[in-house]
Amino acid sequence: MQDMTVVPDRVFAPAKVNLFLHVGPAREDGRHPLDSLVVFADENGADHLIFSAADHFRLDVTGVGAEAAGPLADNLVLRAVRALVAEVPSLPRYAITLDKRLPVAAGLGGGSSDAGAVLRTLGAVAGLGAPALMDMAAQLGGDVPACVLSRACRMQDDGAQVHPIAGLPELPALLVNPMIACPTGPVFAAFDKLDLGRRALGALDCPIPTDWTETTELIDWLSAATSNDLEGPACASIPEIGTVLETLRALPAARLVRMSGSGASCFALFETTVAAKAARDELERLAPHWWARVTQLR
């Protein structure tokens, strides 16, 4: 086992953004096969996890999203801790403070990213390899394996199939949430009611090029070849999402606007960070009550 001093004082749990999200019809178990290109924000769009040595594990949740984070015992951070301790009972104990900066039930994988950061960080202390961590992650939720990896990847099936994607250029982006929770279940129910499931999913149906040289090339490909299949059902369920999308599309220099995950968060892609910051300033004038962050998607 590694020395517990390798645990940094502060770890970032970045927002997960689905650049595209293709969804198949529900299977017999009620779950939907997915195909998604996932990237992650920088520290400007992240929860923060603070670790300090302790005689037992405990979790405190602070920050603007603390109240919406739900019962402490159900928090994915503690569920990840319990999975690690079950595998390595001698794991050193820590007091963990989760500074909740991402909105909850937002399509940004906040809770999944928190769990992924815990598995990455304490898994290293326990000396666990990637296969063991990925097995734990898959038991915690569909987004958690990708969040353990926390880098650009293709996420398929129910999320357990995660394949790193190299060579993507960084994408200057504006992440926006109207401060309205968007539970996943009703969105998928609306999706099923509309019978929107794709009959074909997978790498052969949407091959991802690997020879990008410019940010604009990636944005153009995303716009022409991909979509978020849950965007329409989510807008039907929560009309405010449509308002966010329309507002972002009207911002200067926004190249591609799309919903992330099952909503309600949306993103706008830009060619430069300067353009993204100018758009954020305009958005703050138009909708000062919305959550908005400029970030680099990596």
C-alpha atoms as a PDB file:
ATOM      1  CA  MET A   1       0.000   0.000   0.000  1.00  0.00           C
ATOM      2  CA  GLN A   2       1.248   3.462  -0.818  1.00  0.00           C
ATOM      3  CA  ASP A   3       1.967   6.114   1.813  1.00  0.00           C
ATOM      4  CA  MET A   4      -1.218   8.038   2.522  1.00  0.00           C
ATOM      5  CA  THR A   5       0.651  11.345   2.155  1.00  0.00           C
ATOM      6  CA  VAL A   6       0.299  10.943  -1.621  1.00  0.00           C
ATOM      7  CA  VAL A   7      -3.310  12.166  -1.261  1.00  0.00           C
ATOM      8  CA  PRO A   8      -3.416  15.827  -2.313  1.00  0.00           C
ATOM      9  CA  ASP A   9      -5.188  18.289  -0.049  1.00  0.00           C
ATOM     10  CA  ARG A  10      -7.612  19.274  -2.814  1.00  0.00           C
ATOM     11  CA  VAL A  11      -8.845  17.253  -5.783  1.00  0.00           C
ATOM     12  CA  PHE A  12     -11.000  18.537  -8.636  1.00  0.00           C
ATOM     13  CA  ALA A  13     -14.074  16.621  -9.775  1.00  0.00           C
ATOM     14  CA  PRO A  14     -14.717  18.194 -13.187  1.00  0.00           C
ATOM     15  CA  ALA A  15     -18.034  18.518 -14.967  1.00  0.00           C
ATOM     16  CA  LYS A  16     -18.660  15.808 -17.543  1.00  0.00           C
ATOM     17  CA  VAL A  17     -19.948  17.155 -20.857  1.00  0.00           C
ATOM     18  CA  ASN A  18     -21.514  14.984 -23.545  1.00  0.00           C
ATOM     19  CA  LEU A  19     -20.406  16.512 -26.844  1.00  0.00           C
ATOM     20  CA  PHE A  20     -22.858  14.096 -28.432  1.00  0.00           C
ATOM     21  CA  LEU A  21     -25.271  11.591 -26.935  1.00  0.00           C
ATOM     22  CA  HIS A  22     -26.938   8.971 -29.108  1.00  0.00           C
ATOM     23  CA  VAL A  23     -29.540   6.740 -27.463  1.00  0.00           C
ATOM     24  CA  GLY A  24     -30.946   3.361 -28.468  1.00  0.00           C
ATOM     25  CA  PRO A  25     -34.374   1.926 -27.645  1.00  0.00           C
ATOM     26  CA  ALA A  26     -34.987   0.601 -24.142  1.00  0.00           C
ATOM     27  CA  ARG A  27     -33.882  -2.973 -23.525  1.00  0.00           C
ATOM     28  CA  GLU A  28     -35.893  -5.571 -21.614  1.00  0.00           C
ATOM     29  CA  ASP A  29     -34.311  -4.373 -18.361  1.00  0.00           C
ATOM     30  CA  GLY A  30     -35.563  -0.853 -19.075  1.00  0.00           C
ATOM     31  CA  ARG A  31     -32.090   0.604 -19.613  1.00  0.00           C
ATOM     32  CA  HIS A  32     -30.999   2.324 -22.816  1.00  0.00           C
ATOM     33  CA  PRO A  33     -27.775   1.652 -24.729  1.00  0.00           C
ATOM     34  CA  LEU A  34     -25.824   4.871 -25.171  1.00  0.00           C
ATOM     35  CA  ASP A  35     -23.067   6.167 -27.390  1.00  0.00           C
ATOM     36  CA  SER A  36     -21.403   9.399 -26.344  1.00  0.00           C
ATOM     37  CA  LEU A  37     -18.242  11.438 -26.777  1.00  0.00           C
ATOM     38  CA  VAL A  38     -17.453  12.690 -23.286  1.00  0.00           C
ATOM     39  CA  VAL A  39     -15.029  15.438 -22.304  1.00  0.00           C
ATOM     40  CA  PHE A  40     -14.316  17.164 -19.005  1.00  0.00           C
ATOM     41  CA  ALA A  41     -14.118  20.760 -17.846  1.00  0.00           C
ATOM     42  CA  ASP A  42     -11.137  22.389 -16.195  1.00  0.00           C
ATOM     43  CA  GLU A  43     -11.133  23.548 -12.569  1.00  0.00           C
ATOM     44  CA  ASN A  44     -13.462  26.445 -13.409  1.00  0.00           C
ATOM     45  CA  GLY A  45     -16.253  23.901 -13.879  1.00  0.00           C
ATOM     46  CA  ALA A  46     -15.639  21.425 -11.090  1.00  0.00           C
ATOM     47  CA  ASP A  47     -16.572  20.356  -7.593  1.00  0.00           C
ATOM     48  CA  HIS A  48     -13.709  20.399  -5.101  1.00  0.00           C
ATOM     49  CA  LEU A  49     -12.860  17.532  -2.719  1.00  0.00           C
ATOM     50  CA  ILE A  50     -10.677  18.279   0.304  1.00  0.00           C
ATOM     51  CA  PHE A  51      -8.999  15.354   2.099  1.00  0.00           C
ATOM     52  CA  SER A  52      -7.461  15.305   5.574  1.00  0.00           C
ATOM     53  CA  ALA A  53      -6.244  12.338   7.602  1.00  0.00           C
ATOM     54  CA  ALA A  54      -8.728  11.164  10.254  1.00  0.00           C
ATOM     55  CA  ASP A  55      -9.518   8.216  12.507  1.00  0.00           C
ATOM     56  CA  HIS A  56     -12.616   7.326  10.479  1.00  0.00           C
ATOM     57  CA  PHE A  57     -14.227   8.286   7.188  1.00  0.00           C
ATOM     58  CA  ARG A  58     -16.647  11.178   7.314  1.00  0.00           C
ATOM     59  CA  LEU A  59     -18.117  13.540   4.749  1.00  0.00           C
ATOM     60  CA  ASP A  60     -19.171  17.160   4.958  1.00  0.00           C
ATOM     61  CA  VAL A  61     -20.875  18.866   2.013  1.00  0.00           C
ATOM     62  CA  THR A  62     -20.519  22.609   1.602  1.00  0.00           C
ATOM     63  CA  GLY A  63     -20.931  25.119  -1.215  1.00  0.00           C
ATOM     64  CA  VAL A  64     -23.808  26.508  -3.246  1.00  0.00           C
ATOM     65  CA  GLY A  65     -25.040  23.045  -4.228  1.00  0.00           C
ATOM     66  CA  ALA A  66     -24.880  21.498  -0.759  1.00  0.00           C
ATOM     67  CA  GLU A  67     -28.577  21.770   0.048  1.00  0.00           C
ATOM     68  CA  ALA A  68     -29.606  20.151  -3.244  1.00  0.00           C
ATOM     69  CA  ALA A  69     -27.125  17.295  -2.904  1.00  0.00           C
ATOM     70  CA  GLY A  70     -29.594  15.099  -1.006  1.00  0.00           C
ATOM     71  CA  PRO A  71     -29.171  12.841   2.059  1.00  0.00           C
ATOM     72  CA  LEU A  72     -25.579  12.451   3.157  1.00  0.00           C
ATOM     73  CA  ALA A  73     -25.781   8.654   3.444  1.00  0.00           C
ATOM     74  CA  ASP A  74     -26.798   8.383  -0.223  1.00  0.00           C
ATOM     75  CA  ASN A  75     -23.983  10.600  -1.498  1.00  0.00           C
ATOM     76  CA  LEU A  76     -21.894   8.900  -4.168  1.00  0.00           C
ATOM     77  CA  VAL A  77     -18.719   9.969  -2.368  1.00  0.00           C
ATOM     78  CA  LEU A  78     -19.583   7.773   0.624  1.00  0.00           C
ATOM     79  CA  ARG A  79     -20.785   4.973  -1.630  1.00  0.00           C
ATOM     80  CA  ALA A  80     -17.407   5.065  -3.395  1.00  0.00           C
ATOM     81  CA  VAL A  81     -15.641   5.027  -0.024  1.00  0.00           C
ATOM     82  CA  ARG A  82     -17.660   2.005   1.100  1.00  0.00           C
ATOM     83  CA  ALA A  83     -16.758   0.142  -2.101  1.00  0.00           C
ATOM     84  CA  LEU A  84     -13.058   0.872  -1.555  1.00  0.00           C
ATOM     85  CA  VAL A  85     -13.099  -0.195   2.097  1.00  0.00           C
ATOM     86  CA  ALA A  86     -14.911  -3.421   1.199  1.00  0.00           C
ATOM     87  CA  GLU A  87     -12.038  -4.208  -1.180  1.00  0.00           C
ATOM     88  CA  VAL A  88      -9.200  -2.870   1.039  1.00  0.00           C
ATOM     89  CA  PRO A  89     -10.283  -2.824   4.721  1.00  0.00           C
ATOM     90  CA  SER A  90      -6.917  -1.369   5.801  1.00  0.00           C
ATOM     91  CA  LEU A  91      -7.390   1.762   3.662  1.00  0.00           C
ATOM     92  CA  PRO A  92      -6.293   4.841   5.649  1.00  0.00           C
ATOM     93  CA  ARG A  93      -9.211   6.943   6.831  1.00  0.00           C
ATOM     94  CA  TYR A  94      -9.947  10.521   5.770  1.00  0.00           C
ATOM     95  CA  ALA A  95     -12.292  13.343   6.529  1.00  0.00           C
ATOM     96  CA  ILE A  96     -13.613  14.516   3.174  1.00  0.00           C
ATOM     97  CA  THR A  97     -15.166  17.897   2.482  1.00  0.00           C
ATOM     98  CA  LEU A  98     -17.130  18.102  -0.752  1.00  0.00           C
ATOM     99  CA  ASP A  99     -17.304  21.718  -1.898  1.00  0.00           C
ATOM    100  CA  LYS A 100     -20.318  21.405  -4.203  1.00  0.00           C
ATOM    101  CA  ARG A 101     -19.861  23.984  -6.981  1.00  0.00           C
ATOM    102  CA  LEU A 102     -21.680  22.203  -9.823  1.00  0.00           C
ATOM    103  CA  PRO A 103     -25.481  22.249 -10.022  1.00  0.00           C
ATOM    104  CA  VAL A 104     -27.276  19.034  -9.046  1.00  0.00           C
ATOM    105  CA  ALA A 105     -29.370  16.899 -11.432  1.00  0.00           C
ATOM    106  CA  ALA A 106     -27.875  18.982 -14.209  1.00  0.00           C
ATOM    107  CA  GLY A 107     -26.556  16.595 -16.873  1.00  0.00           C
ATOM    108  CA  LEU A 108     -22.960  17.389 -15.884  1.00  0.00           C
ATOM    109  CA  GLY A 109     -22.290  14.191 -13.942  1.00  0.00           C
ATOM    110  CA  GLY A 110     -21.456  16.095 -10.761  1.00  0.00           C
ATOM    111  CA  GLY A 111     -22.120  13.255  -8.318  1.00  0.00           C
ATOM    112  CA  SER A 112     -20.522  10.734 -10.672  1.00  0.00           C
ATOM    113  CA  SER A 113     -17.449  12.921 -11.013  1.00  0.00           C
ATOM    114  CA  ASP A 114     -17.230  13.255  -7.227  1.00  0.00           C
ATOM    115  CA  ALA A 115     -17.283   9.464  -6.944  1.00  0.00           C
ATOM    116  CA  GLY A 116     -14.754   9.132  -9.752  1.00  0.00           C
ATOM    117  CA  ALA A 117     -12.375  11.537  -8.007  1.00  0.00           C
ATOM    118  CA  VAL A 118     -12.632   9.507  -4.785  1.00  0.00           C
ATOM    119  CA  LEU A 119     -11.985   6.225  -6.593  1.00  0.00           C
ATOM    120  CA  ARG A 120      -8.997   7.706  -8.439  1.00  0.00           C
ATOM    121  CA  THR A 121      -7.496   9.342  -5.367  1.00  0.00           C
ATOM    122  CA  LEU A 122      -8.036   6.695  -2.698  1.00  0.00           C
ATOM    123  CA  GLY A 123      -7.657   3.862  -5.178  1.00  0.00           C
ATOM    124  CA  ALA A 124      -4.064   5.019  -5.659  1.00  0.00           C
ATOM    125  CA  VAL A 125      -3.543   4.905  -1.884  1.00  0.00           C
ATOM    126  CA  ALA A 126      -4.961   1.378  -1.826  1.00  0.00           C
ATOM    127  CA  GLY A 127      -2.779   0.311  -4.727  1.00  0.00           C
ATOM    128  CA  LEU A 128      -5.766  -0.723  -6.822  1.00  0.00           C
ATOM    129  CA  GLY A 129      -5.411  -0.957 -10.580  1.00  0.00           C
ATOM    130  CA  ALA A 130      -7.708   0.357 -13.269  1.00  0.00           C
ATOM    131  CA  PRO A 131      -9.719  -2.879 -13.733  1.00  0.00           C
ATOM    132  CA  ALA A 132     -10.721  -3.013 -10.060  1.00  0.00           C
ATOM    133  CA  LEU A 133     -11.624   0.679  -9.999  1.00  0.00           C
ATOM    134  CA  MET A 134     -13.674   0.379 -13.177  1.00  0.00           C
ATOM    135  CA  ASP A 135     -15.586  -2.580 -11.733  1.00  0.00           C
ATOM    136  CA  MET A 136     -16.425  -0.520  -8.649  1.00  0.00           C
ATOM    137  CA  ALA A 137     -17.362   2.457 -10.788  1.00  0.00           C
ATOM    138  CA  ALA A 138     -19.783   0.447 -12.924  1.00  0.00           C
ATOM    139  CA  GLN A 139     -21.647  -0.617  -9.790  1.00  0.00           C
ATOM    140  CA  LEU A 140     -22.048   3.014  -8.691  1.00  0.00           C
ATOM    141  CA  GLY A 141     -23.610   4.418 -11.870  1.00  0.00           C
ATOM    142  CA  GLY A 142     -23.454   4.660 -15.648  1.00  0.00           C
ATOM    143  CA  ASP A 143     -21.344   7.838 -15.739  1.00  0.00           C
ATOM    144  CA  VAL A 144     -18.869   6.848 -13.027  1.00  0.00           C
ATOM    145  CA  PRO A 145     -16.447   4.753 -15.177  1.00  0.00           C
ATOM    146  CA  ALA A 146     -15.904   7.697 -17.543  1.00  0.00           C
ATOM    147  CA  CYS A 147     -15.484   9.993 -14.541  1.00  0.00           C
ATOM    148  CA  VAL A 148     -12.813   7.718 -13.065  1.00  0.00           C
ATOM    149  CA  LEU A 149     -10.911   8.128 -16.319  1.00  0.00           C
ATOM    150  CA  SER A 150     -11.686  11.881 -16.338  1.00  0.00           C
ATOM    151  CA  ARG A 151     -10.377  12.472 -19.835  1.00  0.00           C
ATOM    152  CA  ALA A 152     -11.828  12.523 -23.329  1.00  0.00           C
ATOM    153  CA  CYS A 153     -13.436   9.171 -24.034  1.00  0.00           C
ATOM    154  CA  ARG A 154     -16.155   7.362 -25.898  1.00  0.00           C
ATOM    155  CA  MET A 155     -18.767   5.970 -23.509  1.00  0.00           C
ATOM    156  CA  GLN A 156     -20.963   3.171 -24.834  1.00  0.00           C
ATOM    157  CA  ASP A 157     -23.630   0.640 -23.898  1.00  0.00           C
ATOM    158  CA  ASP A 158     -24.715   1.378 -20.297  1.00  0.00           C
ATOM    159  CA  GLY A 159     -21.545   3.386 -19.580  1.00  0.00           C
ATOM    160  CA  ALA A 160     -19.308   0.470 -18.607  1.00  0.00           C
ATOM    161  CA  GLN A 161     -17.557   0.496 -22.002  1.00  0.00           C
ATOM    162  CA  VAL A 162     -15.165   3.442 -21.893  1.00  0.00           C
ATOM    163  CA  HIS A 163     -12.544   4.024 -24.582  1.00  0.00           C
ATOM    164  CA  PRO A 164     -10.036   6.909 -24.314  1.00  0.00           C
ATOM    165  CA  ILE A 165      -9.978   9.270 -27.294  1.00  0.00           C
ATOM    166  CA  ALA A 166      -6.678  10.957 -28.096  1.00  0.00           C
ATOM    167  CA  GLY A 167      -5.981  14.008 -30.195  1.00  0.00           C
ATOM    168  CA  LEU A 168      -9.052  16.138 -29.536  1.00  0.00           C
ATOM    169  CA  PRO A 169      -8.268  19.853 -29.472  1.00  0.00           C
ATOM    170  CA  GLU A 170      -9.317  21.794 -26.388  1.00  0.00           C
ATOM    171  CA  LEU A 171     -12.717  23.420 -26.747  1.00  0.00           C
ATOM    172  CA  PRO A 172     -13.409  26.846 -25.227  1.00  0.00           C
ATOM    173  CA  ALA A 173     -16.911  26.553 -23.812  1.00  0.00           C
ATOM    174  CA  LEU A 174     -19.583  28.264 -21.786  1.00  0.00           C
ATOM    175  CA  LEU A 175     -21.497  25.916 -19.463  1.00  0.00           C
ATOM    176  CA  VAL A 176     -24.953  27.127 -18.414  1.00  0.00           C
ATOM    177  CA  ASN A 177     -27.657  25.830 -16.121  1.00  0.00           C
ATOM    178  CA  PRO A 178     -30.975  27.641 -15.475  1.00  0.00           C
ATOM    179  CA  MET A 179     -30.906  26.439 -11.838  1.00  0.00           C
ATOM    180  CA  ILE A 180     -33.672  23.934 -12.490  1.00  0.00           C
ATOM    181  CA  ALA A 181     -33.146  20.281 -11.588  1.00  0.00           C
ATOM    182  CA  CYS A 182     -33.795  17.847 -14.430  1.00  0.00           C
ATOM    183  CA  PRO A 183     -34.142  14.253 -13.146  1.00  0.00           C
ATOM    184  CA  THR A 184     -33.076  11.666 -15.695  1.00  0.00           C
ATOM    185  CA  GLY A 185     -36.070   9.332 -15.376  1.00  0.00           C
ATOM    186  CA  PRO A 186     -38.788  11.619 -16.800  1.00  0.00           C
ATOM    187  CA  VAL A 187     -36.564  12.585 -19.745  1.00  0.00           C
ATOM    188  CA  PHE A 188     -36.026   8.963 -20.755  1.00  0.00           C
ATOM    189  CA  ALA A 189     -39.743   8.300 -20.248  1.00  0.00           C
ATOM    190  CA  ALA A 190     -40.549  11.120 -22.677  1.00  0.00           C
ATOM    191  CA  PHE A 191     -37.904   9.741 -25.055  1.00  0.00           C
ATOM    192  CA  ASP A 192     -39.565   6.309 -24.991  1.00  0.00           C
ATOM    193  CA  LYS A 193     -43.028   7.765 -25.469  1.00  0.00           C
ATOM    194  CA  LEU A 194     -41.852   9.511 -28.633  1.00  0.00           C
ATOM    195  CA  ASP A 195     -40.152   6.301 -29.852  1.00  0.00           C
ATOM    196  CA  LEU A 196     -36.939   8.138 -30.687  1.00  0.00           C
ATOM    197  CA  GLY A 197     -34.475   5.328 -30.005  1.00  0.00           C
ATOM    198  CA  ARG A 198     -31.863   4.730 -32.670  1.00  0.00           C
ATOM    199  CA  ARG A 199     -31.860   1.226 -34.081  1.00  0.00           C
ATOM    200  CA  ALA A 200     -28.102   1.278 -34.649  1.00  0.00           C
ATOM    201  CA  LEU A 201     -25.445   2.467 -32.240  1.00  0.00           C
ATOM    202  CA  GLY A 202     -21.699   2.109 -32.096  1.00  0.00           C
ATOM    203  CA  ALA A 203     -18.376   3.083 -33.543  1.00  0.00           C
ATOM    204  CA  LEU A 204     -19.245   2.025 -37.085  1.00  0.00           C
ATOM    205  CA  ASP A 205     -22.395   4.175 -37.033  1.00  0.00           C
ATOM    206  CA  CYS A 206     -20.515   7.288 -35.916  1.00  0.00           C
ATOM    207  CA  PRO A 207     -16.743   6.963 -36.402  1.00  0.00           C
ATOM    208  CA  ILE A 208     -14.781   9.670 -34.602  1.00  0.00           C
ATOM    209  CA  PRO A 209     -11.935  11.099 -36.689  1.00  0.00           C
ATOM    210  CA  THR A 210      -8.518  11.189 -35.041  1.00  0.00           C
ATOM    211  CA  ASP A 211      -6.684  13.690 -37.220  1.00  0.00           C
ATOM    212  CA  TRP A 212      -7.991  16.990 -35.864  1.00  0.00           C
ATOM    213  CA  THR A 213      -5.754  20.000 -36.379  1.00  0.00           C
ATOM    214  CA  GLU A 214      -8.129  22.851 -35.490  1.00  0.00           C
ATOM    215  CA  THR A 215     -10.862  23.427 -32.932  1.00  0.00           C
ATOM    216  CA  THR A 216     -13.150  24.558 -35.745  1.00  0.00           C
ATOM    217  CA  GLU A 217     -12.849  21.165 -37.468  1.00  0.00           C
ATOM    218  CA  LEU A 218     -14.090  19.346 -34.377  1.00  0.00           C
ATOM    219  CA  ILE A 219     -16.972  21.791 -33.910  1.00  0.00           C
ATOM    220  CA  ASP A 220     -17.995  21.470 -37.556  1.00  0.00           C
ATOM    221  CA  TRP A 221     -17.956  17.667 -37.334  1.00  0.00           C
ATOM    222  CA  LEU A 222     -20.023  17.640 -34.149  1.00  0.00           C
ATOM    223  CA  SER A 223     -22.571  19.941 -35.750  1.00  0.00           C
ATOM    224  CA  ALA A 224     -22.857  17.944 -38.973  1.00  0.00           C
ATOM    225  CA  ALA A 225     -22.617  14.340 -37.769  1.00  0.00           C
ATOM    226  CA  THR A 226     -23.930  14.155 -34.204  1.00  0.00           C
ATOM    227  CA  SER A 227     -26.682  15.236 -31.828  1.00  0.00           C
ATOM    228  CA  ASN A 228     -28.023  14.846 -28.319  1.00  0.00           C
ATOM    229  CA  ASP A 229     -31.019  12.539 -28.775  1.00  0.00           C
ATOM    230  CA  LEU A 230     -32.450  13.538 -25.385  1.00  0.00           C
ATOM    231  CA  GLU A 231     -32.577  17.248 -26.158  1.00  0.00           C
ATOM    232  CA  GLY A 232     -36.076  17.251 -27.643  1.00  0.00           C
ATOM    233  CA  PRO A 233     -37.677  15.144 -24.891  1.00  0.00           C
ATOM    234  CA  ALA A 234     -35.929  17.212 -22.203  1.00  0.00           C
ATOM    235  CA  CYS A 235     -37.173  20.473 -23.718  1.00  0.00           C
ATOM    236  CA  ALA A 236     -40.696  19.034 -23.858  1.00  0.00           C
ATOM    237  CA  SER A 237     -40.466  18.139 -20.175  1.00  0.00           C
ATOM    238  CA  ILE A 238     -38.754  21.351 -19.042  1.00  0.00           C
ATOM    239  CA  PRO A 239     -39.381  24.226 -21.496  1.00  0.00           C
ATOM    240  CA  GLU A 240     -36.763  26.374 -19.752  1.00  0.00           C
ATOM    241  CA  ILE A 241     -34.088  24.204 -21.390  1.00  0.00           C
ATOM    242  CA  GLY A 242     -35.302  25.393 -24.781  1.00  0.00           C
ATOM    243  CA  THR A 243     -35.024  28.965 -23.540  1.00  0.00           C
ATOM    244  CA  VAL A 244     -31.421  28.360 -22.513  1.00  0.00           C
ATOM    245  CA  LEU A 245     -30.584  26.872 -25.911  1.00  0.00           C
ATOM    246  CA  GLU A 246     -32.199  29.763 -27.788  1.00  0.00           C
ATOM    247  CA  THR A 247     -30.403  32.302 -25.610  1.00  0.00           C
ATOM    248  CA  LEU A 248     -27.025  30.652 -26.141  1.00  0.00           C
ATOM    249  CA  ARG A 249     -27.512  30.426 -29.900  1.00  0.00           C
ATOM    250  CA  ALA A 250     -28.086  34.178 -29.998  1.00  0.00           C
ATOM    251  CA  LEU A 251     -24.797  34.939 -28.226  1.00  0.00           C
ATOM    252  CA  PRO A 252     -22.012  36.392 -30.374  1.00  0.00           C
ATOM    253  CA  ALA A 253     -19.503  33.888 -31.789  1.00  0.00           C
ATOM    254  CA  ALA A 254     -21.250  30.772 -30.437  1.00  0.00           C
ATOM    255  CA  ARG A 255     -20.347  28.023 -32.917  1.00  0.00           C
ATOM    256  CA  LEU A 256     -22.322  25.067 -31.527  1.00  0.00           C
ATOM    257  CA  VAL A 257     -24.987  24.989 -28.811  1.00  0.00           C
ATOM    258  CA  ARG A 258     -26.244  21.744 -27.309  1.00  0.00           C
ATOM    259  CA  MET A 259     -27.638  20.194 -24.145  1.00  0.00           C
ATOM    260  CA  SER A 260     -25.357  17.961 -22.063  1.00  0.00           C
ATOM    261  CA  GLY A 261     -26.530  14.572 -20.852  1.00  0.00           C
ATOM    262  CA  SER A 262     -30.214  14.522 -19.966  1.00  0.00           C
ATOM    263  CA  GLY A 263     -30.195  18.234 -19.045  1.00  0.00           C
ATOM    264  CA  ALA A 264     -30.832  20.814 -17.857  1.00  0.00           C
ATOM    265  CA  SER A 265     -27.282  22.093 -18.422  1.00  0.00           C
ATOM    266  CA  CYS A 266     -26.334  23.285 -21.898  1.00  0.00           C
ATOM    267  CA  PHE A 267     -23.086  24.375 -23.476  1.00  0.00           C
ATOM    268  CA  ALA A 268     -21.911  26.688 -26.204  1.00  0.00           C
ATOM    269  CA  LEU A 269     -18.618  26.068 -28.016  1.00  0.00           C
ATOM    270  CA  PHE A 270     -16.385  28.884 -29.247  1.00  0.00           C
ATOM    271  CA  GLU A 271     -13.204  29.208 -31.260  1.00  0.00           C
ATOM    272  CA  THR A 272     -11.397  31.134 -28.501  1.00  0.00           C
ATOM    273  CA  THR A 273     -11.591  31.641 -24.747  1.00  0.00           C
ATOM    274  CA  VAL A 274     -11.843  35.388 -25.335  1.00  0.00           C
ATOM    275  CA  ALA A 275     -15.050  34.836 -27.310  1.00  0.00           C
ATOM    276  CA  ALA A 276     -16.415  32.526 -24.598  1.00  0.00           C
ATOM    277  CA  LYS A 277     -15.764  35.135 -21.903  1.00  0.00           C
ATOM    278  CA  ALA A 278     -17.433  37.867 -23.949  1.00  0.00           C
ATOM    279  CA  ALA A 279     -20.469  35.625 -24.384  1.00  0.00           C
ATOM    280  CA  ARG A 280     -20.573  34.936 -20.647  1.00  0.00           C
ATOM    281  CA  ASP A 281     -20.550  38.663 -19.914  1.00  0.00           C
ATOM    282  CA  GLU A 282     -23.490  39.152 -22.262  1.00  0.00           C
ATOM    283  CA  LEU A 283     -25.324  36.186 -20.748  1.00  0.00           C
ATOM    284  CA  GLU A 284     -24.878  37.554 -17.235  1.00  0.00           C
ATOM    285  CA  ARG A 285     -26.633  40.705 -18.393  1.00  0.00           C
ATOM    286  CA  LEU A 286     -29.477  38.739 -19.990  1.00  0.00           C
ATOM    287  CA  ALA A 287     -29.947  36.050 -17.331  1.00  0.00           C
ATOM    288  CA  PRO A 288     -28.053  36.949 -14.144  1.00  0.00           C
ATOM    289  CA  HIS A 289     -29.793  34.186 -12.145  1.00  0.00           C
ATOM    290  CA  TRP A 290     -28.417  31.360 -14.311  1.00  0.00           C
ATOM    291  CA  TRP A 291     -25.304  29.417 -13.359  1.00  0.00           C
ATOM    292  CA  ALA A 292     -22.618  30.048 -16.015  1.00  0.00           C
ATOM    293  CA  ARG A 293     -18.933  29.110 -16.231  1.00  0.00           C
ATOM    294  CA  VAL A 294     -16.292  29.584 -18.916  1.00  0.00           C
ATOM    295  CA  THR A 295     -14.061  26.537 -19.188  1.00  0.00           C
ATOM    296  CA  GLN A 296     -11.798  24.569 -21.460  1.00  0.00           C
ATOM    297  CA  LEU A 297     -13.261  21.177 -22.349  1.00  0.00           C
ATOM    298  CA  ARG A 298     -10.414  18.696 -22.500  1.00  0.00           C
END
